[in-house]
Amino acid sequence: MTKKSKQSADVLSQVKNSNPKIAVIQANWHIDIVSKASISFSGFLTSNGIDSANIHVFDVPGSLEIPLMAQKLAQSGSYDLIMATGLIVDGGIYRHDFVAGTVLEGMMRVQLDTGVPVLSVVLTPHNFQEVPAHMDFYRNHFVLKGEEAAEAALQTLYNMTQFKSEQRLAS
């Protein structure tokens, strides 16, 4: 066993033993694309030993509603980690970069205010068009991003277990 695979096995073992509860928030705008991240995220985690009963999916209308749902879930004390996924496109009503910044800033504020990690698979394509080639590309891309978020979730959950097990006294 290589040093890296030993470390990965240790991380996974500690995370599984902590029996984490995970929330997934998915924006329903372009749900046929966005749900691919939720599915691949959950599938990756369960294939690595996380109990599927501990992964809960919550739907919100669009990406702007993600931060409030993340805040409520984090404040509930029921979840060790939250992953949010959405697709923000320039629909001509307002600029998608403003929306994306607002959503990511809100998600960051939630994790800093509550101590519950919030991972983002909220994507903002530069030139998205509702044509078959783009739709297919982003469906596949969200699968990949969901798996990458699951890998990040395992590492983040492991990091968080280190703080739970360490009791430090103020000096």
N, C-alpha and C. Protein backbone atom coordinates (compact mmCIF):
# COMPACT_ATOMS: atom_id res chain seq x y z
N MET A 1 0.84 -1.18 0.00
CA MET A 1 0.00 0.00 0.00
C MET A 1 0.89 1.24 0.00
N THR A 2 0.63 2.15 -0.91
CA THR A 2 1.42 3.38 -0.98
C THR A 2 1.03 4.30 0.17
N LYS A 3 1.91 5.26 0.43
CA LYS A 3 1.65 6.21 1.51
C LYS A 3 0.34 6.97 1.25
N LYS A 4 0.11 7.39 -0.01
CA LYS A 4 -1.10 8.14 -0.35
C LYS A 4 -2.35 7.27 -0.17
N SER A 5 -2.32 6.00 -0.61
CA SER A 5 -3.50 5.16 -0.46
C SER A 5 -3.76 4.83 1.01
N LYS A 6 -2.70 4.74 1.81
CA LYS A 6 -2.86 4.52 3.26
C LYS A 6 -3.53 5.74 3.89
N GLN A 7 -3.09 6.93 3.49
CA GLN A 7 -3.70 8.14 4.00
C GLN A 7 -5.17 8.22 3.60
N SER A 8 -5.47 7.88 2.35
CA SER A 8 -6.86 7.90 1.87
C SER A 8 -7.71 6.92 2.66
N ALA A 9 -7.18 5.73 2.92
CA ALA A 9 -7.92 4.73 3.69
C ALA A 9 -8.17 5.22 5.12
N ASP A 10 -7.18 5.88 5.71
CA ASP A 10 -7.34 6.43 7.07
C ASP A 10 -8.40 7.51 7.10
N VAL A 11 -8.38 8.39 6.11
CA VAL A 11 -9.37 9.46 6.02
C VAL A 11 -10.76 8.86 5.91
N LEU A 12 -10.93 7.93 4.98
CA LEU A 12 -12.24 7.33 4.76
C LEU A 12 -12.72 6.58 6.00
N SER A 13 -11.84 5.85 6.66
CA SER A 13 -12.21 5.12 7.86
C SER A 13 -12.70 6.06 8.96
N GLN A 14 -11.96 7.13 9.18
CA GLN A 14 -12.35 8.08 10.23
C GLN A 14 -13.67 8.77 9.89
N VAL A 15 -13.87 9.12 8.62
CA VAL A 15 -15.11 9.78 8.21
C VAL A 15 -16.29 8.83 8.39
N LYS A 16 -16.16 7.59 7.94
CA LYS A 16 -17.25 6.62 8.08
C LYS A 16 -17.58 6.40 9.55
N ASN A 17 -16.57 6.31 10.39
CA ASN A 17 -16.80 6.10 11.82
C ASN A 17 -17.50 7.28 12.49
N SER A 18 -17.38 8.46 11.90
CA SER A 18 -18.03 9.63 12.49
C SER A 18 -19.51 9.70 12.11
N ASN A 19 -19.96 8.82 11.19
CA ASN A 19 -21.36 8.73 10.78
C ASN A 19 -21.94 10.09 10.40
N PRO A 20 -21.34 10.75 9.40
CA PRO A 20 -21.75 12.12 9.08
C PRO A 20 -23.14 12.21 8.47
N LYS A 21 -23.77 13.33 8.74
CA LYS A 21 -25.06 13.68 8.13
C LYS A 21 -24.79 14.78 7.12
N ILE A 22 -25.27 14.60 5.91
CA ILE A 22 -24.94 15.52 4.82
C ILE A 22 -26.22 16.01 4.15
N ALA A 23 -26.29 17.31 3.92
CA ALA A 23 -27.41 17.92 3.20
C ALA A 23 -26.93 18.32 1.81
N VAL A 24 -27.79 18.08 0.84
CA VAL A 24 -27.54 18.51 -0.54
C VAL A 24 -28.67 19.47 -0.90
N ILE A 25 -28.31 20.67 -1.31
CA ILE A 25 -29.30 21.64 -1.77
C ILE A 25 -29.15 21.75 -3.28
N GLN A 26 -30.26 21.54 -3.98
CA GLN A 26 -30.19 21.67 -5.44
C GLN A 26 -31.22 22.67 -5.93
N ALA A 27 -30.73 23.62 -6.74
CA ALA A 27 -31.61 24.60 -7.37
C ALA A 27 -32.37 23.91 -8.49
N ASN A 28 -33.64 24.19 -8.60
CA ASN A 28 -34.48 23.51 -9.59
C ASN A 28 -34.47 24.16 -10.97
N TRP A 29 -33.79 25.29 -11.11
CA TRP A 29 -33.64 25.90 -12.43
C TRP A 29 -32.68 25.01 -13.22
N HIS A 30 -33.12 24.45 -14.33
CA HIS A 30 -32.37 23.47 -15.13
C HIS A 30 -32.08 22.21 -14.30
N ILE A 31 -33.09 21.73 -13.61
CA ILE A 31 -32.94 20.56 -12.72
C ILE A 31 -32.42 19.34 -13.47
N ASP A 32 -32.74 19.21 -14.75
CA ASP A 32 -32.24 18.06 -15.51
C ASP A 32 -30.72 18.05 -15.60
N ILE A 33 -30.10 19.21 -15.47
CA ILE A 33 -28.64 19.31 -15.45
C ILE A 33 -28.14 19.29 -14.01
N VAL A 34 -28.71 20.13 -13.18
CA VAL A 34 -28.25 20.32 -11.80
C VAL A 34 -28.32 19.02 -10.99
N SER A 35 -29.38 18.24 -11.19
CA SER A 35 -29.55 17.01 -10.42
C SER A 35 -28.43 16.00 -10.67
N LYS A 36 -27.73 16.13 -11.78
CA LYS A 36 -26.62 15.21 -12.08
C LYS A 36 -25.52 15.34 -11.02
N ALA A 37 -25.29 16.55 -10.53
CA ALA A 37 -24.29 16.74 -9.47
C ALA A 37 -24.76 16.10 -8.17
N SER A 38 -26.03 16.26 -7.84
CA SER A 38 -26.57 15.66 -6.61
C SER A 38 -26.46 14.15 -6.65
N ILE A 39 -26.80 13.59 -7.79
CA ILE A 39 -26.77 12.13 -7.95
C ILE A 39 -25.35 11.59 -7.88
N SER A 40 -24.42 12.23 -8.60
CA SER A 40 -23.04 11.73 -8.59
C SER A 40 -22.37 11.96 -7.23
N PHE A 41 -22.69 13.07 -6.58
CA PHE A 41 -22.16 13.36 -5.25
C PHE A 41 -22.61 12.28 -4.27
N SER A 42 -23.90 12.02 -4.23
CA SER A 42 -24.44 11.01 -3.31
C SER A 42 -23.92 9.62 -3.66
N GLY A 43 -23.88 9.31 -4.93
CA GLY A 43 -23.39 7.99 -5.37
C GLY A 43 -21.95 7.75 -4.99
N PHE A 44 -21.11 8.76 -5.15
CA PHE A 44 -19.70 8.63 -4.79
C PHE A 44 -19.55 8.40 -3.28
N LEU A 45 -20.29 9.17 -2.51
CA LEU A 45 -20.19 9.02 -1.05
C LEU A 45 -20.68 7.65 -0.59
N THR A 46 -21.81 7.19 -1.12
CA THR A 46 -22.32 5.88 -0.69
C THR A 46 -21.41 4.76 -1.17
N SER A 47 -20.79 4.91 -2.33
CA SER A 47 -19.87 3.87 -2.80
C SER A 47 -18.59 3.84 -1.95
N ASN A 48 -18.37 4.89 -1.18
CA ASN A 48 -17.23 4.94 -0.27
C ASN A 48 -17.64 4.75 1.18
N GLY A 49 -18.82 4.17 1.39
CA GLY A 49 -19.21 3.74 2.71
C GLY A 49 -20.05 4.69 3.54
N ILE A 50 -20.42 5.84 2.99
CA ILE A 50 -21.30 6.75 3.73
C ILE A 50 -22.73 6.22 3.59
N ASP A 51 -23.44 6.15 4.69
CA ASP A 51 -24.80 5.62 4.70
C ASP A 51 -25.73 6.54 3.89
N SER A 52 -26.39 6.00 2.89
CA SER A 52 -27.27 6.80 2.03
C SER A 52 -28.42 7.43 2.83
N ALA A 53 -28.81 6.81 3.94
CA ALA A 53 -29.87 7.37 4.78
C ALA A 53 -29.44 8.67 5.45
N ASN A 54 -28.13 8.95 5.45
CA ASN A 54 -27.61 10.16 6.07
C ASN A 54 -27.37 11.29 5.07
N ILE A 55 -27.80 11.08 3.82
CA ILE A 55 -27.66 12.12 2.80
C ILE A 55 -29.07 12.56 2.41
N HIS A 56 -29.38 13.83 2.68
CA HIS A 56 -30.71 14.36 2.42
C HIS A 56 -30.66 15.46 1.37
N VAL A 57 -31.55 15.38 0.38
CA VAL A 57 -31.59 16.35 -0.70
C VAL A 57 -32.75 17.32 -0.48
N PHE A 58 -32.44 18.60 -0.61
CA PHE A 58 -33.43 19.66 -0.45
C PHE A 58 -33.47 20.47 -1.75
N ASP A 59 -34.68 20.69 -2.25
CA ASP A 59 -34.87 21.46 -3.48
C ASP A 59 -35.21 22.91 -3.15
N VAL A 60 -34.64 23.82 -3.92
CA VAL A 60 -34.99 25.23 -3.86
C VAL A 60 -35.28 25.69 -5.28
N PRO A 61 -36.06 26.77 -5.44
CA PRO A 61 -36.43 27.20 -6.79
C PRO A 61 -35.24 27.54 -7.68
N GLY A 62 -34.30 28.31 -7.16
CA GLY A 62 -33.15 28.74 -7.94
C GLY A 62 -31.94 28.92 -7.04
N SER A 63 -30.84 29.33 -7.62
CA SER A 63 -29.59 29.46 -6.86
C SER A 63 -29.64 30.56 -5.81
N LEU A 64 -30.40 31.62 -6.05
CA LEU A 64 -30.49 32.69 -5.05
C LEU A 64 -31.08 32.20 -3.73
N GLU A 65 -31.84 31.13 -3.77
CA GLU A 65 -32.45 30.59 -2.54
C GLU A 65 -31.52 29.64 -1.79
N ILE A 66 -30.37 29.32 -2.35
CA ILE A 66 -29.44 28.38 -1.71
C ILE A 66 -28.91 28.90 -0.37
N PRO A 67 -28.40 30.14 -0.27
CA PRO A 67 -27.82 30.56 1.01
C PRO A 67 -28.78 30.49 2.19
N LEU A 68 -30.03 30.90 2.01
CA LEU A 68 -30.98 30.84 3.12
C LEU A 68 -31.25 29.40 3.54
N MET A 69 -31.41 28.51 2.57
CA MET A 69 -31.62 27.10 2.92
C MET A 69 -30.38 26.53 3.61
N ALA A 70 -29.21 26.91 3.13
CA ALA A 70 -27.97 26.44 3.78
C ALA A 70 -27.90 26.95 5.21
N GLN A 71 -28.28 28.18 5.42
CA GLN A 71 -28.27 28.76 6.77
C GLN A 71 -29.22 27.99 7.70
N LYS A 72 -30.43 27.75 7.22
CA LYS A 72 -31.42 27.04 8.05
C LYS A 72 -30.94 25.63 8.37
N LEU A 73 -30.39 24.94 7.38
CA LEU A 73 -29.90 23.58 7.60
C LEU A 73 -28.71 23.56 8.57
N ALA A 74 -27.80 24.51 8.40
CA ALA A 74 -26.64 24.57 9.28
C ALA A 74 -27.06 24.90 10.71
N GLN A 75 -27.99 25.84 10.86
CA GLN A 75 -28.45 26.22 12.19
C GLN A 75 -29.25 25.12 12.88
N SER A 76 -29.78 24.18 12.11
CA SER A 76 -30.57 23.10 12.70
C SER A 76 -29.70 22.17 13.55
N GLY A 77 -28.40 22.17 13.31
CA GLY A 77 -27.50 21.28 14.04
C GLY A 77 -27.59 19.83 13.59
N SER A 78 -28.33 19.57 12.53
CA SER A 78 -28.54 18.21 12.06
C SER A 78 -27.53 17.74 11.02
N TYR A 79 -26.71 18.65 10.49
CA TYR A 79 -25.83 18.29 9.38
C TYR A 79 -24.37 18.65 9.67
N ASP A 80 -23.50 17.75 9.24
CA ASP A 80 -22.06 17.96 9.39
C ASP A 80 -21.46 18.67 8.18
N LEU A 81 -22.17 18.63 7.06
CA LEU A 81 -21.66 19.23 5.82
C LEU A 81 -22.84 19.48 4.90
N ILE A 82 -22.74 20.55 4.12
CA ILE A 82 -23.77 20.89 3.14
C ILE A 82 -23.09 21.06 1.79
N MET A 83 -23.68 20.48 0.76
CA MET A 83 -23.22 20.70 -0.61
C MET A 83 -24.38 21.32 -1.37
N ALA A 84 -24.09 22.40 -2.10
CA ALA A 84 -25.13 23.06 -2.88
C ALA A 84 -24.77 23.03 -4.35
N THR A 85 -25.78 22.85 -5.19
CA THR A 85 -25.55 22.81 -6.63
C THR A 85 -26.61 23.63 -7.36
N GLY A 86 -26.16 24.36 -8.34
CA GLY A 86 -27.05 25.17 -9.15
C GLY A 86 -26.36 25.57 -10.44
N LEU A 87 -27.15 26.06 -11.36
CA LEU A 87 -26.66 26.54 -12.65
C LEU A 87 -27.16 27.97 -12.82
N ILE A 88 -26.23 28.91 -12.86
CA ILE A 88 -26.59 30.31 -13.01
C ILE A 88 -26.22 30.73 -14.43
N VAL A 89 -27.22 31.10 -15.19
CA VAL A 89 -26.99 31.51 -16.58
C VAL A 89 -27.44 32.95 -16.78
N ASP A 90 -26.91 33.58 -17.79
CA ASP A 90 -27.29 34.94 -18.13
C ASP A 90 -28.59 34.88 -18.90
N GLY A 91 -29.69 35.12 -18.19
CA GLY A 91 -31.00 35.05 -18.82
C GLY A 91 -31.52 36.39 -19.29
N GLY A 92 -30.70 37.42 -19.22
CA GLY A 92 -31.10 38.72 -19.73
C GLY A 92 -31.84 39.58 -18.72
N ILE A 93 -32.18 39.06 -17.55
CA ILE A 93 -32.90 39.85 -16.54
C ILE A 93 -31.90 40.63 -15.70
N TYR A 94 -30.90 39.98 -15.21
CA TYR A 94 -29.81 40.63 -14.51
C TYR A 94 -28.55 39.84 -14.78
N ARG A 95 -27.45 40.39 -14.44
CA ARG A 95 -26.17 39.78 -14.77
C ARG A 95 -25.90 38.56 -13.92
N HIS A 96 -25.53 37.48 -14.59
CA HIS A 96 -25.30 36.23 -13.87
C HIS A 96 -24.08 36.32 -12.95
N ASP A 97 -23.11 37.17 -13.26
CA ASP A 97 -21.96 37.27 -12.37
C ASP A 97 -22.35 37.90 -11.03
N PHE A 98 -23.31 38.82 -11.02
CA PHE A 98 -23.81 39.39 -9.78
C PHE A 98 -24.51 38.31 -8.95
N VAL A 99 -25.35 37.53 -9.60
CA VAL A 99 -26.08 36.46 -8.91
C VAL A 99 -25.09 35.45 -8.34
N ALA A 100 -24.13 35.03 -9.16
CA ALA A 100 -23.15 34.04 -8.71
C ALA A 100 -22.37 34.55 -7.50
N GLY A 101 -21.93 35.80 -7.56
CA GLY A 101 -21.19 36.38 -6.44
C GLY A 101 -22.02 36.44 -5.18
N THR A 102 -23.28 36.82 -5.33
CA THR A 102 -24.19 36.91 -4.20
C THR A 102 -24.40 35.54 -3.55
N VAL A 103 -24.62 34.53 -4.39
CA VAL A 103 -24.85 33.17 -3.89
C VAL A 103 -23.61 32.64 -3.17
N LEU A 104 -22.46 32.77 -3.80
CA LEU A 104 -21.23 32.24 -3.18
C LEU A 104 -20.86 33.00 -1.92
N GLU A 105 -21.08 34.31 -1.91
CA GLU A 105 -20.81 35.08 -0.70
C GLU A 105 -21.74 34.63 0.44
N GLY A 106 -23.00 34.39 0.11
CA GLY A 106 -23.95 33.92 1.12
C GLY A 106 -23.57 32.54 1.66
N MET A 107 -23.15 31.65 0.77
CA MET A 107 -22.74 30.32 1.21
C MET A 107 -21.50 30.39 2.10
N MET A 108 -20.56 31.25 1.74
CA MET A 108 -19.35 31.41 2.55
C MET A 108 -19.71 31.97 3.92
N ARG A 109 -20.61 32.94 3.95
CA ARG A 109 -21.02 33.52 5.23
C ARG A 109 -21.66 32.46 6.12
N VAL A 110 -22.47 31.59 5.53
CA VAL A 110 -23.11 30.52 6.31
C VAL A 110 -22.06 29.64 6.96
N GLN A 111 -21.08 29.20 6.19
CA GLN A 111 -20.10 28.29 6.79
C GLN A 111 -19.23 28.98 7.82
N LEU A 112 -18.89 30.24 7.61
CA LEU A 112 -18.09 30.95 8.60
C LEU A 112 -18.89 31.27 9.86
N ASP A 113 -20.17 31.59 9.71
CA ASP A 113 -21.01 31.92 10.86
C ASP A 113 -21.40 30.70 11.69
N THR A 114 -21.54 29.54 11.03
CA THR A 114 -22.05 28.37 11.74
C THR A 114 -21.00 27.29 12.01
N GLY A 115 -19.90 27.31 11.29
CA GLY A 115 -18.90 26.26 11.43
C GLY A 115 -19.25 24.99 10.68
N VAL A 116 -20.32 25.01 9.92
CA VAL A 116 -20.71 23.85 9.10
C VAL A 116 -20.18 24.09 7.69
N PRO A 117 -19.32 23.20 7.18
CA PRO A 117 -18.79 23.39 5.83
C PRO A 117 -19.89 23.41 4.77
N VAL A 118 -19.77 24.32 3.82
CA VAL A 118 -20.70 24.42 2.71
C VAL A 118 -19.89 24.37 1.42
N LEU A 119 -20.07 23.30 0.66
CA LEU A 119 -19.35 23.12 -0.60
C LEU A 119 -20.21 23.60 -1.76
N SER A 120 -19.55 24.11 -2.79
CA SER A 120 -20.28 24.67 -3.92
C SER A 120 -20.05 23.92 -5.22
N VAL A 121 -21.16 23.52 -5.83
CA VAL A 121 -21.18 23.08 -7.22
C VAL A 121 -22.20 23.99 -7.92
N VAL A 122 -22.07 25.27 -7.63
CA VAL A 122 -22.89 26.28 -8.28
C VAL A 122 -22.04 26.83 -9.42
N LEU A 123 -22.44 26.52 -10.64
CA LEU A 123 -21.62 26.86 -11.80
C LEU A 123 -22.25 27.98 -12.61
N THR A 124 -21.39 28.79 -13.22
CA THR A 124 -21.83 29.93 -14.00
C THR A 124 -21.14 29.89 -15.37
N PRO A 125 -21.72 29.16 -16.32
CA PRO A 125 -21.08 29.07 -17.64
C PRO A 125 -21.05 30.42 -18.34
N HIS A 126 -20.02 30.61 -19.12
CA HIS A 126 -19.83 31.89 -19.81
C HIS A 126 -20.83 32.08 -20.94
N ASN A 127 -21.04 31.08 -21.75
CA ASN A 127 -21.91 31.21 -22.92
C ASN A 127 -22.90 30.06 -23.01
N PHE A 128 -23.71 29.87 -22.01
CA PHE A 128 -24.68 28.77 -22.01
C PHE A 128 -25.85 29.10 -22.92
N GLN A 129 -26.20 28.13 -23.75
CA GLN A 129 -27.39 28.23 -24.59
C GLN A 129 -28.16 26.93 -24.47
N GLU A 130 -29.47 27.03 -24.51
CA GLU A 130 -30.30 25.83 -24.39
C GLU A 130 -30.38 25.10 -25.73
N VAL A 131 -29.24 24.57 -26.12
CA VAL A 131 -29.14 23.75 -27.33
C VAL A 131 -28.63 22.38 -26.90
N PRO A 132 -28.95 21.33 -27.65
CA PRO A 132 -28.56 19.98 -27.23
C PRO A 132 -27.08 19.81 -26.88
N ALA A 133 -26.19 20.40 -27.64
CA ALA A 133 -24.76 20.24 -27.36
C ALA A 133 -24.39 20.82 -26.00
N HIS A 134 -24.90 22.00 -25.67
CA HIS A 134 -24.60 22.61 -24.37
C HIS A 134 -25.28 21.83 -23.25
N MET A 135 -26.50 21.44 -23.45
CA MET A 135 -27.23 20.70 -22.42
C MET A 135 -26.49 19.40 -22.08
N ASP A 136 -26.07 18.67 -23.11
CA ASP A 136 -25.35 17.41 -22.90
C ASP A 136 -24.01 17.66 -22.21
N PHE A 137 -23.29 18.68 -22.67
CA PHE A 137 -21.99 19.00 -22.06
C PHE A 137 -22.15 19.28 -20.57
N TYR A 138 -23.11 20.12 -20.21
CA TYR A 138 -23.26 20.49 -18.81
C TYR A 138 -23.83 19.37 -17.96
N ARG A 139 -24.66 18.51 -18.52
CA ARG A 139 -25.10 17.33 -17.76
C ARG A 139 -23.87 16.50 -17.35
N ASN A 140 -23.00 16.24 -18.30
CA ASN A 140 -21.78 15.47 -18.02
C ASN A 140 -20.85 16.22 -17.09
N HIS A 141 -20.77 17.52 -17.27
CA HIS A 141 -19.89 18.33 -16.42
C HIS A 141 -20.36 18.32 -14.97
N PHE A 142 -21.67 18.37 -14.76
CA PHE A 142 -22.21 18.33 -13.40
C PHE A 142 -21.98 16.98 -12.73
N VAL A 143 -21.96 15.91 -13.50
CA VAL A 143 -21.61 14.60 -12.94
C VAL A 143 -20.19 14.66 -12.39
N LEU A 144 -19.27 15.14 -13.20
CA LEU A 144 -17.87 15.25 -12.78
C LEU A 144 -17.73 16.16 -11.56
N LYS A 145 -18.39 17.30 -11.58
CA LYS A 145 -18.28 18.24 -10.46
C LYS A 145 -18.89 17.67 -9.18
N GLY A 146 -19.95 16.87 -9.30
CA GLY A 146 -20.52 16.22 -8.13
C GLY A 146 -19.55 15.24 -7.50
N GLU A 147 -18.84 14.48 -8.34
CA GLU A 147 -17.83 13.54 -7.82
C GLU A 147 -16.68 14.29 -7.17
N GLU A 148 -16.24 15.37 -7.80
CA GLU A 148 -15.17 16.17 -7.20
C GLU A 148 -15.60 16.76 -5.86
N ALA A 149 -16.83 17.19 -5.77
CA ALA A 149 -17.34 17.72 -4.50
C ALA A 149 -17.40 16.63 -3.45
N ALA A 150 -17.72 15.41 -3.85
CA ALA A 150 -17.76 14.29 -2.89
C ALA A 150 -16.36 14.01 -2.35
N GLU A 151 -15.36 14.05 -3.21
CA GLU A 151 -13.98 13.87 -2.74
C GLU A 151 -13.61 14.98 -1.75
N ALA A 152 -13.99 16.21 -2.09
CA ALA A 152 -13.73 17.34 -1.19
C ALA A 152 -14.49 17.17 0.12
N ALA A 153 -15.71 16.63 0.03
CA ALA A 153 -16.51 16.41 1.24
C ALA A 153 -15.83 15.43 2.18
N LEU A 154 -15.30 14.35 1.64
CA LEU A 154 -14.61 13.37 2.49
C LEU A 154 -13.42 14.00 3.20
N GLN A 155 -12.62 14.77 2.47
CA GLN A 155 -11.47 15.42 3.09
C GLN A 155 -11.92 16.45 4.13
N THR A 156 -12.95 17.21 3.80
CA THR A 156 -13.45 18.23 4.73
C THR A 156 -14.03 17.59 5.98
N LEU A 157 -14.80 16.53 5.82
CA LEU A 157 -15.36 15.84 6.98
C LEU A 157 -14.25 15.27 7.86
N TYR A 158 -13.21 14.74 7.23
CA TYR A 158 -12.06 14.25 7.98
C TYR A 158 -11.42 15.40 8.76
N ASN A 159 -11.20 16.52 8.09
CA ASN A 159 -10.60 17.67 8.77
C ASN A 159 -11.45 18.10 9.96
N MET A 160 -12.75 18.10 9.79
CA MET A 160 -13.65 18.51 10.87
C MET A 160 -13.61 17.53 12.04
N THR A 161 -13.42 16.22 11.77
CA THR A 161 -13.33 15.26 12.87
C THR A 161 -12.11 15.54 13.74
N GLN A 162 -11.08 16.12 13.17
CA GLN A 162 -9.88 16.43 13.94
C GLN A 162 -10.18 17.49 15.00
N PHE A 163 -11.06 18.41 14.68
CA PHE A 163 -11.42 19.45 15.64
C PHE A 163 -12.38 18.93 16.70
N LYS A 164 -13.25 18.01 16.32
CA LYS A 164 -14.20 17.45 17.28
C LYS A 164 -13.48 16.60 18.32
N SER A 165 -12.41 15.91 17.91
CA SER A 165 -11.74 15.01 18.85
C SER A 165 -10.73 15.73 19.72
N GLU A 166 -10.27 16.90 19.28
CA GLU A 166 -9.29 17.63 20.05
C GLU A 166 -9.97 18.63 20.98
N GLN A 167 -9.67 18.54 22.23
CA GLN A 167 -10.17 19.51 23.19
C GLN A 167 -8.96 20.35 23.62
N ARG A 168 -9.02 21.62 23.32
CA ARG A 168 -7.89 22.49 23.64
C ARG A 168 -8.28 23.45 24.75
N LEU A 169 -7.33 23.67 25.60
CA LEU A 169 -7.54 24.62 26.68
C LEU A 169 -6.92 25.95 26.28
N ALA A 170 -7.59 27.03 26.62
CA ALA A 170 -7.04 28.36 26.34
C ALA A 170 -5.81 28.56 27.19
N SER A 171 -4.82 29.22 26.63
CA SER A 171 -3.60 29.44 27.41
C SER A 171 -3.61 30.78 28.09
